[in-house]
Amino acid sequence: MTEQEIIQLTNQVFEESFEIEKELLKPETNIFEDLGLDSLDVVDLVVALQEKFGVKIRNDERIKTIRSLGDIYNFIFKLKEEHK
């Protein structure tokens, strides 16, 4: 899976699950401050990303450092690389 595919699929999750406009989905966008997600939204986000990418996220400590869309893209990319 390429980095571009990860970006597209991640953005699709935000568009479909949270009805966020495509123009707002940039690597530097903060998911809390810019998109207004809260802790309950993050639970939904984790579930949606796990389903979309077929990975386990919930117990991964690295998830706590995620603040931006770019962080999510990199996190998913690393997970996919680790589970090849």
Protein backbone atom coordinates (compact mmCIF):
# COMPACT_ATOMS: atom_id res chain seq x y z
CA MET A 1 0.00 0.00 0.00
CA THR A 2 1.46 3.33 -1.03
CA GLU A 3 1.61 6.46 1.10
CA GLN A 4 -0.83 8.14 -1.30
CA GLU A 5 -3.33 5.30 -0.87
CA ILE A 6 -3.06 5.62 2.91
CA ILE A 7 -3.72 9.37 2.67
CA GLN A 8 -6.73 8.83 0.41
CA LEU A 9 -8.27 6.12 2.59
CA THR A 10 -7.64 8.05 5.81
CA ASN A 11 -9.22 11.17 4.34
CA GLN A 12 -12.16 9.05 3.22
CA VAL A 13 -12.71 7.98 6.85
CA PHE A 14 -12.83 11.63 7.94
CA GLU A 15 -15.19 12.57 5.12
CA GLU A 16 -17.57 9.64 5.67
CA SER A 17 -17.46 9.24 9.45
CA PHE A 18 -17.22 12.88 10.52
CA GLU A 19 -18.57 14.72 7.45
CA ILE A 20 -15.41 16.81 7.18
CA GLU A 21 -14.87 18.73 3.97
CA LYS A 22 -12.07 17.51 1.72
CA GLU A 23 -10.39 20.95 1.65
CA LEU A 24 -9.71 20.75 5.40
CA LEU A 25 -7.89 17.42 5.14
CA LYS A 26 -4.23 18.40 4.97
CA PRO A 27 -1.24 16.82 6.72
CA GLU A 28 -0.80 19.83 9.02
CA THR A 29 -4.46 19.87 10.11
CA ASN A 30 -4.84 19.30 13.87
CA ILE A 31 -7.59 16.75 14.46
CA PHE A 32 -8.63 18.32 17.76
CA GLU A 33 -8.23 22.07 17.24
CA ASP A 34 -8.93 22.33 13.51
CA LEU A 35 -11.46 19.51 13.04
CA GLY A 36 -13.06 19.66 16.48
CA LEU A 37 -12.78 15.96 17.31
CA ASP A 38 -13.13 15.01 20.96
CA SER A 39 -12.21 11.89 22.92
CA LEU A 40 -15.40 10.06 21.88
CA ASP A 41 -14.73 10.88 18.24
CA VAL A 42 -11.24 9.44 18.60
CA VAL A 43 -12.71 6.09 19.66
CA ASP A 44 -14.87 6.11 16.51
CA LEU A 45 -11.85 7.15 14.46
CA VAL A 46 -9.73 4.27 15.78
CA VAL A 47 -12.49 1.76 14.99
CA ALA A 48 -12.96 3.18 11.48
CA LEU A 49 -9.22 3.16 10.75
CA GLN A 50 -8.85 -0.41 12.04
CA GLU A 51 -11.65 -1.54 9.72
CA LYS A 52 -10.37 0.44 6.73
CA PHE A 53 -6.77 -0.76 7.00
CA GLY A 54 -7.12 -4.13 8.75
CA VAL A 55 -4.72 -3.20 11.55
CA LYS A 56 -4.85 -3.17 15.34
CA ILE A 57 -4.48 0.31 16.79
CA ARG A 58 -6.19 0.46 20.16
CA ASN A 59 -3.34 -0.84 22.35
CA ASP A 60 -0.52 0.87 20.46
CA GLU A 61 1.14 3.50 22.66
CA ARG A 62 2.11 5.58 19.63
CA ILE A 63 -1.53 6.57 19.16
CA LYS A 64 -1.21 8.93 22.15
CA THR A 65 1.22 11.17 20.25
CA ILE A 66 -1.07 11.74 17.27
CA ARG A 67 -2.25 15.32 16.84
CA SER A 68 -2.41 15.97 13.10
CA LEU A 69 -3.58 14.18 9.98
CA GLY A 70 0.08 13.85 8.97
CA ASP A 71 0.70 11.98 12.24
CA ILE A 72 -2.13 9.59 11.36
CA TYR A 73 -0.81 9.03 7.81
CA ASN A 74 2.69 8.25 9.17
CA PHE A 75 1.34 6.03 11.94
CA ILE A 76 -0.75 3.93 9.52
CA PHE A 77 2.14 3.73 7.05
CA LYS A 78 4.46 2.43 9.80
CA LEU A 79 1.86 -0.07 10.98
CA LYS A 80 1.40 -1.42 7.48
CA GLU A 81 5.18 -1.67 7.02
CA GLU A 82 5.53 -3.59 10.31
CA HIS A 83 2.82 -6.08 9.33
CA LYS A 84 3.98 -6.96 5.84
